[in-house]
Amino acid sequence: MKINVEVVPKGTLYDRSELLEVGVVGKPQYLYSSQEMRQKKYLKSCKV
């Protein structure tokens, strides 16, 4: 199994103030596929 780890800016994975600000309800997503990383899905990491 091959695992890639990419470091993103602090607060990207779980920013509590942003969740409240935009009213998104859900759990943060911490694991992403390579396609999701290319699409920068980690910038909005909540699963609704």
C-alpha atoms as a PDB file:
ATOM      1  CA  MET A   1       0.000   0.000   0.000  1.00  0.00           C
ATOM      2  CA  LYS A   2       1.356   3.414  -0.951  1.00  0.00           C
ATOM      3  CA  ILE A   3       0.521   6.395   1.260  1.00  0.00           C
ATOM      4  CA  ASN A   4       1.146  10.025   0.356  1.00  0.00           C
ATOM      5  CA  VAL A   5       1.088  12.714   3.026  1.00  0.00           C
ATOM      6  CA  GLU A   6       0.634  16.328   2.000  1.00  0.00           C
ATOM      7  CA  VAL A   7       0.895  19.174   4.481  1.00  0.00           C
ATOM      8  CA  VAL A   8      -1.642  21.962   4.047  1.00  0.00           C
ATOM      9  CA  PRO A   9      -1.816  25.331   5.835  1.00  0.00           C
ATOM     10  CA  LYS A  10      -2.732  25.338   9.526  1.00  0.00           C
ATOM     11  CA  GLY A  11      -6.486  25.475  10.030  1.00  0.00           C
ATOM     12  CA  THR A  12      -7.308  24.058   6.611  1.00  0.00           C
ATOM     13  CA  LEU A  13      -8.598  20.709   7.842  1.00  0.00           C
ATOM     14  CA  TYR A  14     -10.786  21.968  10.647  1.00  0.00           C
ATOM     15  CA  ASP A  15     -11.500  25.659  11.144  1.00  0.00           C
ATOM     16  CA  ARG A  16     -14.252  25.970  13.744  1.00  0.00           C
ATOM     17  CA  SER A  17     -14.823  29.672  13.088  1.00  0.00           C
ATOM     18  CA  GLU A  18     -15.333  29.038   9.356  1.00  0.00           C
ATOM     19  CA  LEU A  19     -17.827  26.252  10.042  1.00  0.00           C
ATOM     20  CA  LEU A  20     -19.913  28.622  12.155  1.00  0.00           C
ATOM     21  CA  GLU A  21     -19.446  31.538   9.778  1.00  0.00           C
ATOM     22  CA  VAL A  22     -20.839  29.759   6.717  1.00  0.00           C
ATOM     23  CA  GLY A  23     -23.319  27.633   8.661  1.00  0.00           C
ATOM     24  CA  VAL A  24     -22.016  24.272   7.395  1.00  0.00           C
ATOM     25  CA  VAL A  25     -23.014  21.359   9.581  1.00  0.00           C
ATOM     26  CA  GLY A  26     -21.113  18.113   9.377  1.00  0.00           C
ATOM     27  CA  LYS A  27     -17.979  16.246  10.283  1.00  0.00           C
ATOM     28  CA  PRO A  28     -14.542  17.318   9.075  1.00  0.00           C
ATOM     29  CA  GLN A  29     -12.921  15.065   6.484  1.00  0.00           C
ATOM     30  CA  TYR A  30      -9.296  14.178   7.154  1.00  0.00           C
ATOM     31  CA  LEU A  31      -8.527  11.589   4.459  1.00  0.00           C
ATOM     32  CA  TYR A  32      -8.608  12.440   0.757  1.00  0.00           C
ATOM     33  CA  SER A  33      -8.054  10.562  -2.478  1.00  0.00           C
ATOM     34  CA  SER A  34      -5.368  11.789  -4.882  1.00  0.00           C
ATOM     35  CA  GLN A  35      -8.110  13.221  -7.104  1.00  0.00           C
ATOM     36  CA  GLU A  36      -9.599  15.158  -4.173  1.00  0.00           C
ATOM     37  CA  MET A  37      -6.133  16.523  -3.338  1.00  0.00           C
ATOM     38  CA  ARG A  38      -5.690  17.724  -6.946  1.00  0.00           C
ATOM     39  CA  GLN A  39      -9.098  19.419  -6.689  1.00  0.00           C
ATOM     40  CA  LYS A  40      -8.062  20.973  -3.330  1.00  0.00           C
ATOM     41  CA  LYS A  41     -11.114  19.529  -1.581  1.00  0.00           C
ATOM     42  CA  TYR A  42      -9.268  20.012   1.720  1.00  0.00           C
ATOM     43  CA  LEU A  43     -10.042  23.736   1.540  1.00  0.00           C
ATOM     44  CA  LYS A  44     -13.680  22.915   2.339  1.00  0.00           C
ATOM     45  CA  SER A  45     -13.288  19.773   4.385  1.00  0.00           C
ATOM     46  CA  CYS A  46     -16.791  19.204   5.810  1.00  0.00           C
ATOM     47  CA  LYS A  47     -18.897  16.265   4.845  1.00  0.00           C
ATOM     48  CA  VAL A  48     -22.505  17.418   4.915  1.00  0.00           C
END
